[in-house]
Amino acid sequence: MMILNAIEGRDVAFADVVGAYLHTHMTEFVAMRITGAEVDILCKLKPEWEEFVTIENGKHVLYVRLNKALYGYVQSALLW
């Protein structure tokens, strides 16, 4: 597209909205599975979450529900 725009002399502008996904609420139930070292880090930040940690195949696992959109999730882009 950049080459075509240049050949045809088009004016092109880009914009980025900082934190756009942080302002978008999920409209359906989405569960996310977090494993490994990330679980330990999250539990250090929020010790009350330790009761929800399970061990699967020797790894710590934490299941969470997404309330806000997550970058890389298809519905996030559609919602925003």
C-alpha atoms as a PDB file:
ATOM      1  CA  MET A   1       0.000   0.000   0.000  1.00  0.00           C
ATOM      2  CA  MET A   2       2.852   2.378   0.783  1.00  0.00           C
ATOM      3  CA  ILE A   3       4.240   2.046  -2.751  1.00  0.00           C
ATOM      4  CA  LEU A   4       0.833   2.607  -4.359  1.00  0.00           C
ATOM      5  CA  ASN A   5       0.214   5.630  -2.150  1.00  0.00           C
ATOM      6  CA  ALA A   6       3.581   7.090  -3.121  1.00  0.00           C
ATOM      7  CA  ILE A   7       3.098   6.443  -6.864  1.00  0.00           C
ATOM      8  CA  GLU A   8      -0.394   7.957  -6.810  1.00  0.00           C
ATOM      9  CA  GLY A   9       0.721  10.899  -4.638  1.00  0.00           C
ATOM     10  CA  ARG A  10      -1.795  10.182  -1.910  1.00  0.00           C
ATOM     11  CA  ASP A  11      -1.684  11.818   1.494  1.00  0.00           C
ATOM     12  CA  VAL A  12      -1.731   9.210   4.249  1.00  0.00           C
ATOM     13  CA  ALA A  13      -2.047   9.694   8.001  1.00  0.00           C
ATOM     14  CA  PHE A  14      -1.753   7.227  10.869  1.00  0.00           C
ATOM     15  CA  ALA A  15      -3.031   7.541  14.417  1.00  0.00           C
ATOM     16  CA  ASP A  16      -2.496   5.517  17.571  1.00  0.00           C
ATOM     17  CA  VAL A  17      -4.776   5.732  20.578  1.00  0.00           C
ATOM     18  CA  VAL A  18      -2.740   5.094  23.714  1.00  0.00           C
ATOM     19  CA  GLY A  19      -4.330   2.478  25.953  1.00  0.00           C
ATOM     20  CA  ALA A  20      -7.290   1.939  23.633  1.00  0.00           C
ATOM     21  CA  TYR A  21      -7.803  -1.640  24.782  1.00  0.00           C
ATOM     22  CA  LEU A  22      -7.699  -0.598  28.440  1.00  0.00           C
ATOM     23  CA  HIS A  23     -10.929   1.333  27.919  1.00  0.00           C
ATOM     24  CA  THR A  24     -12.810  -1.444  26.128  1.00  0.00           C
ATOM     25  CA  HIS A  25     -14.979  -3.810  28.190  1.00  0.00           C
ATOM     26  CA  MET A  26     -15.454  -7.423  27.090  1.00  0.00           C
ATOM     27  CA  THR A  27     -19.037  -8.266  26.140  1.00  0.00           C
ATOM     28  CA  GLU A  28     -18.777 -12.048  26.505  1.00  0.00           C
ATOM     29  CA  PHE A  29     -17.232 -14.465  28.988  1.00  0.00           C
ATOM     30  CA  VAL A  30     -13.546 -14.989  28.195  1.00  0.00           C
ATOM     31  CA  ALA A  31     -11.325 -17.153  30.408  1.00  0.00           C
ATOM     32  CA  MET A  32      -7.546 -16.981  30.207  1.00  0.00           C
ATOM     33  CA  ARG A  33      -5.108 -19.619  31.471  1.00  0.00           C
ATOM     34  CA  ILE A  34      -1.897 -18.272  32.998  1.00  0.00           C
ATOM     35  CA  THR A  35       0.970 -20.694  33.706  1.00  0.00           C
ATOM     36  CA  GLY A  36       4.497 -20.822  35.026  1.00  0.00           C
ATOM     37  CA  ALA A  37       6.496 -17.927  36.437  1.00  0.00           C
ATOM     38  CA  GLU A  38       3.760 -15.421  35.609  1.00  0.00           C
ATOM     39  CA  VAL A  39       1.516 -17.073  38.206  1.00  0.00           C
ATOM     40  CA  ASP A  40       4.185 -16.653  40.896  1.00  0.00           C
ATOM     41  CA  ILE A  41       4.678 -12.998  39.976  1.00  0.00           C
ATOM     42  CA  LEU A  42       0.934 -12.293  40.053  1.00  0.00           C
ATOM     43  CA  CYS A  43       0.591 -14.007  43.442  1.00  0.00           C
ATOM     44  CA  LYS A  44       3.391 -11.848  44.852  1.00  0.00           C
ATOM     45  CA  LEU A  45       1.465  -8.786  43.719  1.00  0.00           C
ATOM     46  CA  LYS A  46      -1.923 -10.144  44.860  1.00  0.00           C
ATOM     47  CA  PRO A  47      -1.428 -12.757  47.639  1.00  0.00           C
ATOM     48  CA  GLU A  48      -5.204 -13.292  47.887  1.00  0.00           C
ATOM     49  CA  TRP A  49      -5.090 -14.974  44.450  1.00  0.00           C
ATOM     50  CA  GLU A  50      -2.954 -17.863  45.763  1.00  0.00           C
ATOM     51  CA  GLU A  51      -6.083 -19.763  46.819  1.00  0.00           C
ATOM     52  CA  PHE A  52      -7.125 -19.978  43.144  1.00  0.00           C
ATOM     53  CA  VAL A  53      -3.824 -21.440  41.899  1.00  0.00           C
ATOM     54  CA  THR A  54      -3.873 -25.093  40.872  1.00  0.00           C
ATOM     55  CA  ILE A  55      -1.072 -27.420  39.831  1.00  0.00           C
ATOM     56  CA  GLU A  56      -1.380 -29.131  36.454  1.00  0.00           C
ATOM     57  CA  ASN A  57       1.445 -31.357  35.174  1.00  0.00           C
ATOM     58  CA  GLY A  58       3.738 -29.907  37.850  1.00  0.00           C
ATOM     59  CA  LYS A  59       3.130 -26.270  36.834  1.00  0.00           C
ATOM     60  CA  HIS A  60       1.255 -23.548  38.662  1.00  0.00           C
ATOM     61  CA  VAL A  61      -1.896 -22.564  36.770  1.00  0.00           C
ATOM     62  CA  LEU A  62      -4.259 -19.657  37.326  1.00  0.00           C
ATOM     63  CA  TYR A  63      -7.519 -19.226  35.422  1.00  0.00           C
ATOM     64  CA  VAL A  64      -8.842 -15.672  35.191  1.00  0.00           C
ATOM     65  CA  ARG A  65     -11.801 -13.970  33.553  1.00  0.00           C
ATOM     66  CA  LEU A  66     -11.088 -10.981  31.328  1.00  0.00           C
ATOM     67  CA  ASN A  67     -13.133  -7.881  32.140  1.00  0.00           C
ATOM     68  CA  LYS A  68     -11.246  -5.604  29.754  1.00  0.00           C
ATOM     69  CA  ALA A  69     -10.058  -6.232  26.228  1.00  0.00           C
ATOM     70  CA  LEU A  70      -6.675  -7.895  25.762  1.00  0.00           C
ATOM     71  CA  TYR A  71      -4.298  -6.979  22.940  1.00  0.00           C
ATOM     72  CA  GLY A  72      -4.124  -9.767  20.377  1.00  0.00           C
ATOM     73  CA  TYR A  73      -7.610 -11.139  21.058  1.00  0.00           C
ATOM     74  CA  VAL A  74      -9.819 -10.889  17.961  1.00  0.00           C
ATOM     75  CA  GLN A  75     -12.874  -9.613  19.839  1.00  0.00           C
ATOM     76  CA  SER A  76     -10.790  -6.813  21.385  1.00  0.00           C
ATOM     77  CA  ALA A  77     -10.129  -5.271  17.993  1.00  0.00           C
ATOM     78  CA  LEU A  78     -13.754  -5.634  16.983  1.00  0.00           C
ATOM     79  CA  LEU A  79     -14.994  -4.032  20.212  1.00  0.00           C
ATOM     80  CA  TRP A  80     -12.663  -1.076  19.915  1.00  0.00           C
END
